[in-house]
C-alpha atoms as a PDB file:
ATOM      1  CA  MET A   1      35.773   7.255   2.490  1.00  0.00           C
ATOM      2  CA  ARG A   2      33.685   7.622  -0.657  1.00  0.00           C
ATOM      3  CA  PHE A   3      31.926   4.316   0.089  1.00  0.00           C
ATOM      4  CA  ARG A   4      30.879   5.499   3.563  1.00  0.00           C
ATOM      5  CA  SER A   5      29.433   8.722   2.128  1.00  0.00           C
ATOM      6  CA  SER A   6      27.472   6.763  -0.472  1.00  0.00           C
ATOM      7  CA  VAL A   7      26.081   4.366   2.118  1.00  0.00           C
ATOM      8  CA  GLY A   8      25.169   7.234   4.421  1.00  0.00           C
ATOM      9  CA  ALA A   9      23.410   9.095   1.621  1.00  0.00           C
ATOM     10  CA  ALA A  10      21.516   5.972   0.572  1.00  0.00           C
ATOM     11  CA  LEU A  11      20.365   5.278   4.142  1.00  0.00           C
ATOM     12  CA  GLY A  12      19.305   8.911   4.559  1.00  0.00           C
ATOM     13  CA  ALA A  13      17.290   8.776   1.333  1.00  0.00           C
ATOM     14  CA  LEU A  14      15.651   5.520   2.412  1.00  0.00           C
ATOM     15  CA  ALA A  15      14.677   7.009   5.782  1.00  0.00           C
ATOM     16  CA  LEU A  16      13.180  10.034   4.045  1.00  0.00           C
ATOM     17  CA  VAL A  17      11.125   7.888   1.677  1.00  0.00           C
ATOM     18  CA  LEU A  18       9.790   5.780   4.534  1.00  0.00           C
ATOM     19  CA  THR A  19       8.699   8.816   6.550  1.00  0.00           C
ATOM     20  CA  LEU A  20       6.981  10.772   3.775  1.00  0.00           C
ATOM     21  CA  PRO A  21       3.205  10.573   3.997  1.00  0.00           C
ATOM     22  CA  THR A  22       1.482   8.815   1.155  1.00  0.00           C
ATOM     23  CA  SER A  23      -1.881   9.812  -0.170  1.00  0.00           C
ATOM     24  CA  ALA A  24      -4.714   7.673   1.115  1.00  0.00           C
ATOM     25  CA  SER A  25      -6.363   5.565  -1.516  1.00  0.00           C
ATOM     26  CA  ALA A  26      -9.923   6.224  -0.484  1.00  0.00           C
ATOM     27  CA  ALA A  27     -12.895   8.134  -1.760  1.00  0.00           C
ATOM     28  CA  ASP A  28     -13.747  10.987   0.609  1.00  0.00           C
ATOM     29  CA  GLY A  29     -17.376  11.149   1.662  1.00  0.00           C
ATOM     30  CA  THR A  30     -20.275   8.764   1.974  1.00  0.00           C
ATOM     31  CA  PHE A  31     -22.021   6.327  -0.324  1.00  0.00           C
ATOM     32  CA  GLN A  32     -25.588   5.556   0.704  1.00  0.00           C
ATOM     33  CA  TYR A  33     -27.957   2.850  -0.480  1.00  0.00           C
ATOM     34  CA  THR A  34     -31.257   1.321   0.551  1.00  0.00           C
ATOM     35  CA  TYR A  35     -31.950  -2.364   1.186  1.00  0.00           C
ATOM     36  CA  SER A  36     -34.812  -4.400   2.638  1.00  0.00           C
ATOM     37  CA  GLY A  37     -34.379  -5.376   6.269  1.00  0.00           C
ATOM     38  CA  LEU A  38     -35.383  -8.745   7.709  1.00  0.00           C
ATOM     39  CA  ASP A  39     -38.837  -7.340   8.411  1.00  0.00           C
ATOM     40  CA  GLY A  40     -39.161  -6.145   4.794  1.00  0.00           C
ATOM     41  CA  ARG A  41     -38.877  -2.468   5.688  1.00  0.00           C
ATOM     42  CA  PRO A  42     -36.410  -0.242   3.815  1.00  0.00           C
ATOM     43  CA  GLN A  43     -33.131   0.321   5.641  1.00  0.00           C
ATOM     44  CA  LEU A  44     -30.455   2.909   4.846  1.00  0.00           C
ATOM     45  CA  ALA A  45     -26.802   1.841   4.817  1.00  0.00           C
ATOM     46  CA  THR A  46     -23.670   3.936   4.340  1.00  0.00           C
ATOM     47  CA  LEU A  47     -20.075   3.345   3.323  1.00  0.00           C
ATOM     48  CA  VAL A  48     -17.861   6.086   4.791  1.00  0.00           C
ATOM     49  CA  ASP A  49     -14.643   6.991   2.949  1.00  0.00           C
ATOM     50  CA  PRO A  50     -14.652   3.706   0.997  1.00  0.00           C
ATOM     51  CA  GLU A  51     -11.319   2.376  -0.224  1.00  0.00           C
ATOM     52  CA  SER A  52     -10.631   3.048  -3.906  1.00  0.00           C
ATOM     53  CA  ARG A  53     -10.007   0.402  -6.577  1.00  0.00           C
ATOM     54  CA  VAL A  54     -11.299  -2.349  -4.273  1.00  0.00           C
ATOM     55  CA  CYS A  55     -14.527  -4.251  -4.779  1.00  0.00           C
ATOM     56  CA  HIS A  56     -16.991  -3.627  -1.954  1.00  0.00           C
ATOM     57  CA  THR A  57     -19.645  -6.324  -1.763  1.00  0.00           C
ATOM     58  CA  LEU A  58     -22.508  -4.772   0.182  1.00  0.00           C
ATOM     59  CA  PRO A  59     -22.814  -7.003   3.270  1.00  0.00           C
ATOM     60  CA  GLU A  60     -26.570  -6.638   3.709  1.00  0.00           C
ATOM     61  CA  VAL A  61     -27.298  -7.971   0.207  1.00  0.00           C
ATOM     62  CA  ALA A  62     -24.322 -10.220  -0.546  1.00  0.00           C
ATOM     63  CA  ASP A  63     -26.319 -13.476  -0.513  1.00  0.00           C
ATOM     64  CA  GLU A  64     -28.642 -13.639  -3.522  1.00  0.00           C
ATOM     65  CA  ASP A  65     -30.587 -16.515  -1.953  1.00  0.00           C
ATOM     66  CA  ALA A  66     -31.306 -14.625   1.276  1.00  0.00           C
ATOM     67  CA  SER A  67     -31.849 -11.011   0.201  1.00  0.00           C
ATOM     68  CA  SER A  68     -33.075  -8.776  -2.561  1.00  0.00           C
ATOM     69  CA  PRO A  69     -30.571  -6.346  -4.092  1.00  0.00           C
ATOM     70  CA  ALA A  70     -29.906  -2.880  -2.703  1.00  0.00           C
ATOM     71  CA  HIS A  71     -31.159   0.139  -4.642  1.00  0.00           C
ATOM     72  CA  SER A  72     -31.367   3.955  -4.686  1.00  0.00           C
ATOM     73  CA  PRO A  73     -27.632   4.705  -4.453  1.00  0.00           C
ATOM     74  CA  ARG A  74     -26.446   8.211  -3.555  1.00  0.00           C
ATOM     75  CA  ASN A  75     -22.791   8.896  -4.292  1.00  0.00           C
ATOM     76  CA  ARG A  76     -21.733  11.643  -1.891  1.00  0.00           C
ATOM     77  CA  THR A  77     -18.019  10.887  -2.379  1.00  0.00           C
ATOM     78  CA  ASN A  78     -15.438  12.702  -4.475  1.00  0.00           C
ATOM     79  CA  ALA A  79     -14.934   9.598  -6.665  1.00  0.00           C
ATOM     80  CA  THR A  80     -16.811   7.946  -9.482  1.00  0.00           C
ATOM     81  CA  VAL A  81     -18.483   4.717  -8.361  1.00  0.00           C
ATOM     82  CA  THR A  82     -19.430   1.757 -10.516  1.00  0.00           C
ATOM     83  CA  VAL A  83     -22.191  -0.404  -9.031  1.00  0.00           C
ATOM     84  CA  PHE A  84     -22.771  -4.026 -10.042  1.00  0.00           C
ATOM     85  CA  THR A  85     -25.864  -6.214 -10.041  1.00  0.00           C
ATOM     86  CA  GLU A  86     -23.996  -9.143  -8.469  1.00  0.00           C
ATOM     87  CA  ALA A  87     -21.585  -9.622  -5.553  1.00  0.00           C
ATOM     88  CA  ASP A  88     -17.825  -9.447  -6.151  1.00  0.00           C
ATOM     89  CA  CYS A  89     -18.278  -6.704  -8.791  1.00  0.00           C
ATOM     90  CA  GLU A  90     -19.789  -9.091 -11.312  1.00  0.00           C
ATOM     91  CA  GLY A  91     -22.757  -8.723 -13.638  1.00  0.00           C
ATOM     92  CA  ALA A  92     -24.244  -5.667 -15.279  1.00  0.00           C
ATOM     93  CA  HIS A  93     -22.886  -2.358 -14.075  1.00  0.00           C
ATOM     94  CA  TYR A  94     -23.727   1.332 -13.961  1.00  0.00           C
ATOM     95  CA  THR A  95     -21.502   4.313 -13.157  1.00  0.00           C
ATOM     96  CA  LEU A  96     -22.400   7.271 -10.938  1.00  0.00           C
ATOM     97  CA  ARG A  97     -20.348  10.455 -10.926  1.00  0.00           C
ATOM     98  CA  PRO A  98     -19.490  12.221  -7.658  1.00  0.00           C
ATOM     99  CA  GLY A  99     -22.715  13.701  -6.289  1.00  0.00           C
ATOM    100  CA  GLY A 100     -24.826  11.418  -8.507  1.00  0.00           C
ATOM    101  CA  GLN A 101     -27.780   9.318  -7.479  1.00  0.00           C
ATOM    102  CA  ALA A 102     -30.169   6.794  -8.989  1.00  0.00           C
ATOM    103  CA  SER A 103     -33.689   5.593  -8.330  1.00  0.00           C
ATOM    104  CA  GLU A 104     -34.889   2.348  -6.782  1.00  0.00           C
ATOM    105  CA  ARG A 105     -34.881   0.833 -10.268  1.00  0.00           C
ATOM    106  CA  LEU A 106     -31.074   0.530 -10.109  1.00  0.00           C
ATOM    107  CA  LYS A 107     -30.402  -2.791  -8.338  1.00  0.00           C
ATOM    108  CA  MET A 108     -26.938  -3.571  -6.955  1.00  0.00           C
ATOM    109  CA  ARG A 109     -24.952  -5.901  -4.706  1.00  0.00           C
ATOM    110  CA  SER A 110     -21.413  -4.477  -4.989  1.00  0.00           C
ATOM    111  CA  ALA A 111     -19.480  -1.339  -5.896  1.00  0.00           C
ATOM    112  CA  VAL A 112     -15.984  -0.107  -6.776  1.00  0.00           C
ATOM    113  CA  PHE A 113     -14.759   3.474  -6.435  1.00  0.00           C
ATOM    114  CA  SER A 114     -12.230   5.122  -8.761  1.00  0.00           C
END
């Protein structure tokens, strides 16, 4: 009888754990940056609620041979973002606090959010 109670309690605990909501691992808000379009004109791009602790290579500027880096980041998320000069979160980096922004002098190709 004791074994059945233990198994029942364990299964109940497992069901409870599986149904509890987990906190989303994403920065809330938007991250904006500017890049040069195919016609050379500045274009604005946005990451909405980007996933945290994951490297985001900016798709418009991922290929160093085909594009110039993005610039002028605006961190409108609730997380700190570190931007990198190269794709795959490589190269020199700079950190922007939530609400922070930088000028067009800050060049970047990827970012990771805390």
